[in-house]
All heavy atoms as atom14 arrays in JSON, in Angstrom:
{
  "sequence": "DSAKTLSVVPACFKNPLSVDKIEMFTREELH",
  "atom14_mask": [
    [1, 1, 1, 1, 1, 1, 1, 1, 0, 0, 0, 0, 0, 0],
    [1, 1, 1, 1, 1, 1, 0, 0, 0, 0, 0, 0, 0, 0],
    [1, 1, 1, 1, 1, 0, 0, 0, 0, 0, 0, 0, 0, 0],
    [1, 1, 1, 1, 1, 1, 1, 1, 1, 0, 0, 0, 0, 0],
    [1, 1, 1, 1, 1, 1, 1, 0, 0, 0, 0, 0, 0, 0],
    [1, 1, 1, 1, 1, 1, 1, 1, 0, 0, 0, 0, 0, 0],
    [1, 1, 1, 1, 1, 1, 0, 0, 0, 0, 0, 0, 0, 0],
    [1, 1, 1, 1, 1, 1, 1, 0, 0, 0, 0, 0, 0, 0],
    [1, 1, 1, 1, 1, 1, 1, 0, 0, 0, 0, 0, 0, 0],
    [1, 1, 1, 1, 1, 1, 1, 0, 0, 0, 0, 0, 0, 0],
    [1, 1, 1, 1, 1, 0, 0, 0, 0, 0, 0, 0, 0, 0],
    [1, 1, 1, 1, 1, 1, 0, 0, 0, 0, 0, 0, 0, 0],
    [1, 1, 1, 1, 1, 1, 1, 1, 1, 1, 1, 0, 0, 0],
    [1, 1, 1, 1, 1, 1, 1, 1, 1, 0, 0, 0, 0, 0],
    [1, 1, 1, 1, 1, 1, 1, 1, 0, 0, 0, 0, 0, 0],
    [1, 1, 1, 1, 1, 1, 1, 0, 0, 0, 0, 0, 0, 0],
    [1, 1, 1, 1, 1, 1, 1, 1, 0, 0, 0, 0, 0, 0],
    [1, 1, 1, 1, 1, 1, 0, 0, 0, 0, 0, 0, 0, 0],
    [1, 1, 1, 1, 1, 1, 1, 0, 0, 0, 0, 0, 0, 0],
    [1, 1, 1, 1, 1, 1, 1, 1, 0, 0, 0, 0, 0, 0],
    [1, 1, 1, 1, 1, 1, 1, 1, 1, 0, 0, 0, 0, 0],
    [1, 1, 1, 1, 1, 1, 1, 1, 0, 0, 0, 0, 0, 0],
    [1, 1, 1, 1, 1, 1, 1, 1, 1, 0, 0, 0, 0, 0],
    [1, 1, 1, 1, 1, 1, 1, 1, 0, 0, 0, 0, 0, 0],
    [1, 1, 1, 1, 1, 1, 1, 1, 1, 1, 1, 0, 0, 0],
    [1, 1, 1, 1, 1, 1, 1, 0, 0, 0, 0, 0, 0, 0],
    [1, 1, 1, 1, 1, 1, 1, 1, 1, 1, 1, 0, 0, 0],
    [1, 1, 1, 1, 1, 1, 1, 1, 1, 0, 0, 0, 0, 0],
    [1, 1, 1, 1, 1, 1, 1, 1, 1, 0, 0, 0, 0, 0],
    [1, 1, 1, 1, 1, 1, 1, 1, 0, 0, 0, 0, 0, 0],
    [1, 1, 1, 1, 1, 1, 1, 1, 1, 1, 0, 0, 0, 0]
  ],
  "atom14_positions": [
    [[-17.95, 10.47, -10.24], [-16.95, 9.45, -10.61], [-15.62, 10.04, -11.07], [-14.57, 9.54, -10.78], [-17.47, 8.61, -11.76], [-18.55, 7.65, -11.29], [-18.69, 7.42, -10.08], [-19.3, 7.15, -12.15], [0.0, 0.0, 0.0], [0.0, 0.0, 0.0], [0.0, 0.0, 0.0], [0.0, 0.0, 0.0], [0.0, 0.0, 0.0], [0.0, 0.0, 0.0]],
    [[-15.7, 11.23, -11.69], [-14.45, 11.86, -12.22], [-13.56, 12.32, -11.07], [-12.38, 12.39, -11.19], [-14.79, 13.0, -13.15], [-15.48, 14.02, -12.48], [0.0, 0.0, 0.0], [0.0, 0.0, 0.0], [0.0, 0.0, 0.0], [0.0, 0.0, 0.0], [0.0, 0.0, 0.0], [0.0, 0.0, 0.0], [0.0, 0.0, 0.0], [0.0, 0.0, 0.0]],
    [[-14.17, 12.63, -9.92], [-13.36, 13.02, -8.74], [-12.61, 11.85, -8.21], [-11.6, 12.03, -7.52], [-14.29, 13.62, -7.68], [0.0, 0.0, 0.0], [0.0, 0.0, 0.0], [0.0, 0.0, 0.0], [0.0, 0.0, 0.0], [0.0, 0.0, 0.0], [0.0, 0.0, 0.0], [0.0, 0.0, 0.0], [0.0, 0.0, 0.0], [0.0, 0.0, 0.0]],
    [[-13.06, 10.63, -8.48], [-12.41, 9.44, -7.96], [-11.32, 8.91, -8.86], [-10.62, 7.97, -8.46], [-13.43, 8.33, -7.72], [-14.48, 8.68, -6.69], [-15.52, 7.56, -6.61], [-16.62, 7.92, -5.69], [-17.71, 6.92, -5.68], [0.0, 0.0, 0.0], [0.0, 0.0, 0.0], [0.0, 0.0, 0.0], [0.0, 0.0, 0.0], [0.0, 0.0, 0.0]],
    [[-11.13, 9.45, -10.0], [-10.07, 8.94, -10.9], [-8.7, 9.29, -10.34], [-8.54, 10.31, -9.65], [-10.23, 9.53, -12.32], [-10.16, 10.94, -12.26], [-11.53, 9.11, -12.98], [0.0, 0.0, 0.0], [0.0, 0.0, 0.0], [0.0, 0.0, 0.0], [0.0, 0.0, 0.0], [0.0, 0.0, 0.0], [0.0, 0.0, 0.0], [0.0, 0.0, 0.0]],
    [[-7.71, 8.46, -10.68], [-6.36, 8.65, -10.25], [-5.72, 9.79, -10.95], [-5.77, 9.85, -12.18], [-5.53, 7.38, -10.43], [-5.96, 6.13, -9.58], [-5.12, 4.98, -10.01], [-5.77, 6.4, -8.09], [0.0, 0.0, 0.0], [0.0, 0.0, 0.0], [0.0, 0.0, 0.0], [0.0, 0.0, 0.0], [0.0, 0.0, 0.0], [0.0, 0.0, 0.0]],
    [[-5.06, 10.63, -10.23], [-4.33, 11.69, -10.88], [-2.83, 11.37, -10.87], [-2.03, 11.96, -11.64], [-4.55, 13.07, -10.18], [-4.15, 12.94, -8.79], [0.0, 0.0, 0.0], [0.0, 0.0, 0.0], [0.0, 0.0, 0.0], [0.0, 0.0, 0.0], [0.0, 0.0, 0.0], [0.0, 0.0, 0.0], [0.0, 0.0, 0.0], [0.0, 0.0, 0.0]],
    [[-2.44, 10.4, -10.03], [-1.01, 9.98, -9.96], [-1.04, 8.44, -10.06], [-1.82, 7.79, -9.4], [-0.37, 10.42, -8.65], [0.99, 9.93, -8.57], [-0.42, 11.95, -8.53], [0.0, 0.0, 0.0], [0.0, 0.0, 0.0], [0.0, 0.0, 0.0], [0.0, 0.0, 0.0], [0.0, 0.0, 0.0], [0.0, 0.0, 0.0], [0.0, 0.0, 0.0]],
    [[-0.18, 7.87, -10.84], [-0.03, 6.46, -10.98], [0.66, 5.92, -9.73], [1.78, 6.39, -9.42], [0.78, 6.07, -12.26], [0.96, 4.57, -12.34], [0.09, 6.63, -13.46], [0.0, 0.0, 0.0], [0.0, 0.0, 0.0], [0.0, 0.0, 0.0], [0.0, 0.0, 0.0], [0.0, 0.0, 0.0], [0.0, 0.0, 0.0], [0.0, 0.0, 0.0]],
    [[0.02, 4.94, -9.05], [0.68, 4.36, -7.85], [2.07, 3.75, -8.23], [2.24, 3.21, -9.28], [-0.28, 3.26, -7.44], [-1.57, 3.65, -8.06], [-1.25, 4.37, -9.3], [0.0, 0.0, 0.0], [0.0, 0.0, 0.0], [0.0, 0.0, 0.0], [0.0, 0.0, 0.0], [0.0, 0.0, 0.0], [0.0, 0.0, 0.0], [0.0, 0.0, 0.0]],
    [[2.95, 3.78, -7.28], [4.36, 3.25, -7.5], [4.35, 1.81, -7.87], [5.2, 1.35, -8.65], [5.16, 3.51, -6.23], [0.0, 0.0, 0.0], [0.0, 0.0, 0.0], [0.0, 0.0, 0.0], [0.0, 0.0, 0.0], [0.0, 0.0, 0.0], [0.0, 0.0, 0.0], [0.0, 0.0, 0.0], [0.0, 0.0, 0.0], [0.0, 0.0, 0.0]],
    [[3.4, 1.03, -7.34], [3.36, -0.41, -7.68], [3.18, -0.66, -9.16], [3.53, -1.67, -9.71], [2.39, -1.16, -6.84], [0.66, -0.64, -7.1], [0.0, 0.0, 0.0], [0.0, 0.0, 0.0], [0.0, 0.0, 0.0], [0.0, 0.0, 0.0], [0.0, 0.0, 0.0], [0.0, 0.0, 0.0], [0.0, 0.0, 0.0], [0.0, 0.0, 0.0]],
    [[2.55, 0.3, -9.86], [2.36, 0.15, -11.3], [3.57, 0.61, -12.08], [3.85, 0.17, -13.2], [1.12, 0.9, -11.78], [-0.14, 0.24, -11.36], [-0.89, 0.75, -10.31], [-0.64, -0.87, -12.03], [-2.05, 0.19, -9.94], [-1.8, -1.45, -11.61], [-2.56, -0.93, -10.57], [0.0, 0.0, 0.0], [0.0, 0.0, 0.0], [0.0, 0.0, 0.0]],
    [[4.38, 1.52, -11.46], [5.55, 1.99, -12.14], [6.7, 0.99, -12.09], [7.55, 0.91, -13.02], [6.01, 3.31, -11.53], [5.06, 4.43, -11.8], [5.52, 5.72, -11.13], [4.56, 6.86, -11.29], [4.95, 8.0, -10.55], [0.0, 0.0, 0.0], [0.0, 0.0, 0.0], [0.0, 0.0, 0.0], [0.0, 0.0, 0.0], [0.0, 0.0, 0.0]],
    [[6.73, 0.24, -10.97], [7.81, -0.71, -10.81], [7.2, -2.09, -10.46], [7.25, -2.52, -9.33], [8.74, -0.29, -9.61], [9.4, 0.99, -9.87], [9.9, 1.23, -10.96], [9.37, 1.88, -8.92], [0.0, 0.0, 0.0], [0.0, 0.0, 0.0], [0.0, 0.0, 0.0], [0.0, 0.0, 0.0], [0.0, 0.0, 0.0], [0.0, 0.0, 0.0]],
    [[6.6, -2.74, -11.44], [6.0, -4.02, -11.16], [7.03, -5.12, -10.8], [8.21, -4.98, -11.1], [5.28, -4.41, -12.47], [5.98, -3.63, -13.51], [6.53, -2.37, -12.82], [0.0, 0.0, 0.0], [0.0, 0.0, 0.0], [0.0, 0.0, 0.0], [0.0, 0.0, 0.0], [0.0, 0.0, 0.0], [0.0, 0.0, 0.0], [0.0, 0.0, 0.0]],
    [[6.58, -6.12, -10.1], [7.47, -7.19, -9.69], [7.93, -7.94, -10.9], [7.19, -8.2, -11.86], [6.71, -8.19, -8.77], [6.41, -7.7, -7.37], [5.56, -8.74, -6.66], [7.67, -7.4, -6.57], [0.0, 0.0, 0.0], [0.0, 0.0, 0.0], [0.0, 0.0, 0.0], [0.0, 0.0, 0.0], [0.0, 0.0, 0.0], [0.0, 0.0, 0.0]],
    [[9.17, -8.37, -10.91], [9.62, -9.24, -12.01], [9.3, -10.7, -11.59], [9.15, -11.02, -10.42], [11.11, -9.05, -12.25], [11.87, -9.42, -11.12], [0.0, 0.0, 0.0], [0.0, 0.0, 0.0], [0.0, 0.0, 0.0], [0.0, 0.0, 0.0], [0.0, 0.0, 0.0], [0.0, 0.0, 0.0], [0.0, 0.0, 0.0], [0.0, 0.0, 0.0]],
    [[9.27, -11.56, -12.56], [8.85, -12.97, -12.29], [9.83, -13.64, -11.3], [9.31, -14.38, -10.46], [8.86, -13.78, -13.6], [8.54, -15.23, -13.36], [7.84, -13.17, -14.57], [0.0, 0.0, 0.0], [0.0, 0.0, 0.0], [0.0, 0.0, 0.0], [0.0, 0.0, 0.0], [0.0, 0.0, 0.0], [0.0, 0.0, 0.0], [0.0, 0.0, 0.0]],
    [[11.06, -13.32, -11.28], [12.0, -13.97, -10.36], [11.78, -13.53, -8.93], [12.27, -14.18, -8.03], [13.41, -13.77, -10.83], [13.82, -12.31, -10.9], [12.94, -11.48, -11.12], [15.02, -12.0, -10.65], [0.0, 0.0, 0.0], [0.0, 0.0, 0.0], [0.0, 0.0, 0.0], [0.0, 0.0, 0.0], [0.0, 0.0, 0.0], [0.0, 0.0, 0.0]],
    [[11.06, -12.47, -8.65], [10.79, -11.97, -7.3], [9.5, -12.55, -6.74], [9.21, -12.26, -5.58], [10.81, -10.49, -7.26], [12.17, -9.87, -7.58], [12.11, -8.39, -7.45], [13.46, -7.75, -7.77], [13.43, -6.29, -7.72], [0.0, 0.0, 0.0], [0.0, 0.0, 0.0], [0.0, 0.0, 0.0], [0.0, 0.0, 0.0], [0.0, 0.0, 0.0]],
    [[8.71, -13.17, -7.49], [7.41, -13.72, -7.06], [7.66, -15.03, -6.32], [8.31, -15.91, -6.85], [6.47, -13.9, -8.24], [6.16, -12.59, -8.88], [5.17, -14.58, -7.73], [5.32, -12.69, -10.14], [0.0, 0.0, 0.0], [0.0, 0.0, 0.0], [0.0, 0.0, 0.0], [0.0, 0.0, 0.0], [0.0, 0.0, 0.0], [0.0, 0.0, 0.0]],
    [[7.15, -15.09, -5.12], [7.31, -16.3, -4.32], [6.14, -17.23, -4.51], [5.03, -16.76, -4.76], [7.37, -15.99, -2.81], [8.58, -15.13, -2.43], [8.57, -14.81, -0.95], [8.14, -15.69, -0.16], [8.99, -13.75, -0.57], [0.0, 0.0, 0.0], [0.0, 0.0, 0.0], [0.0, 0.0, 0.0], [0.0, 0.0, 0.0], [0.0, 0.0, 0.0]],
    [[6.34, -18.51, -4.46], [5.25, -19.47, -4.54], [4.75, -19.72, -3.17], [5.5, -19.95, -2.21], [5.74, -20.77, -5.2], [6.23, -20.59, -6.62], [4.92, -20.03, -7.72], [3.85, -21.46, -7.76], [0.0, 0.0, 0.0], [0.0, 0.0, 0.0], [0.0, 0.0, 0.0], [0.0, 0.0, 0.0], [0.0, 0.0, 0.0], [0.0, 0.0, 0.0]],
    [[3.43, -19.69, -2.93], [2.82, -19.93, -1.68], [1.89, -21.09, -1.81], [1.28, -21.36, -2.83], [2.0, -18.73, -1.22], [2.79, -17.49, -0.94], [2.81, -16.45, -1.86], [3.57, -17.36, 0.19], [3.54, -15.3, -1.66], [4.32, -16.24, 0.4], [4.29, -15.21, -0.53], [0.0, 0.0, 0.0], [0.0, 0.0, 0.0], [0.0, 0.0, 0.0]],
    [[1.79, -21.86, -0.73], [0.82, -22.94, -0.67], [-0.57, -22.32, -0.36], [-0.64, -21.21, 0.07], [1.13, -23.98, 0.4], [1.0, -23.31, 1.71], [2.57, -24.57, 0.24], [0.0, 0.0, 0.0], [0.0, 0.0, 0.0], [0.0, 0.0, 0.0], [0.0, 0.0, 0.0], [0.0, 0.0, 0.0], [0.0, 0.0, 0.0], [0.0, 0.0, 0.0]],
    [[-1.56, -23.06, -0.64], [-2.97, -22.58, -0.33], [-3.14, -22.2, 1.09], [-3.75, -21.21, 1.48], [-3.93, -23.67, -0.77], [-5.31, -23.3, -0.68], [-6.26, -24.45, -1.1], [-7.45, -23.83, -1.62], [-7.87, -23.92, -2.87], [-7.21, -24.61, -3.68], [-9.01, -23.36, -3.19], [0.0, 0.0, 0.0], [0.0, 0.0, 0.0], [0.0, 0.0, 0.0]],
    [[-2.51, -23.03, 2.01], [-2.66, -22.75, 3.47], [-1.94, -21.42, 3.86], [-2.45, -20.66, 4.65], [-2.05, -23.9, 4.27], [-2.8, -25.19, 4.2], [-2.63, -25.92, 2.89], [-1.55, -25.78, 2.23], [-3.55, -26.69, 2.5], [0.0, 0.0, 0.0], [0.0, 0.0, 0.0], [0.0, 0.0, 0.0], [0.0, 0.0, 0.0], [0.0, 0.0, 0.0]],
    [[-0.74, -21.19, 3.23], [-0.03, -19.93, 3.49], [-0.85, -18.73, 3.04], [-0.86, -17.68, 3.72], [1.35, -19.96, 2.8], [2.3, -20.86, 3.44], [3.63, -20.88, 2.67], [3.56, -21.05, 1.41], [4.7, -20.77, 3.26], [0.0, 0.0, 0.0], [0.0, 0.0, 0.0], [0.0, 0.0, 0.0], [0.0, 0.0, 0.0], [0.0, 0.0, 0.0]],
    [[-1.5, -18.85, 1.93], [-2.29, -17.72, 1.42], [-3.46, -17.43, 2.35], [-3.83, -16.32, 2.54], [-2.79, -18.01, 0.01], [-1.71, -17.97, -1.08], [-2.33, -18.45, -2.38], [-1.13, -16.57, -1.21], [0.0, 0.0, 0.0], [0.0, 0.0, 0.0], [0.0, 0.0, 0.0], [0.0, 0.0, 0.0], [0.0, 0.0, 0.0], [0.0, 0.0, 0.0]],
    [[-4.08, -18.49, 2.89], [-5.16, -18.3, 3.87], [-4.68, -17.57, 5.11], [-5.43, -16.79, 5.7], [-5.79, -19.6, 4.2], [-7.0, -19.96, 3.39], [-8.04, -19.09, 3.27], [-7.28, -21.07, 2.68], [-8.96, -19.64, 2.47], [-8.49, -20.84, 2.13], [0.0, 0.0, 0.0], [0.0, 0.0, 0.0], [0.0, 0.0, 0.0], [0.0, 0.0, 0.0]]
  ]
}
């Protein structure tokens, strides 16, 4: 298990989306 731990934080965690950049999708679009 220790070999599977992250040694580098992925970029998506360093620069999370701000609320104004989140798009609203309908249920059908998500499917």
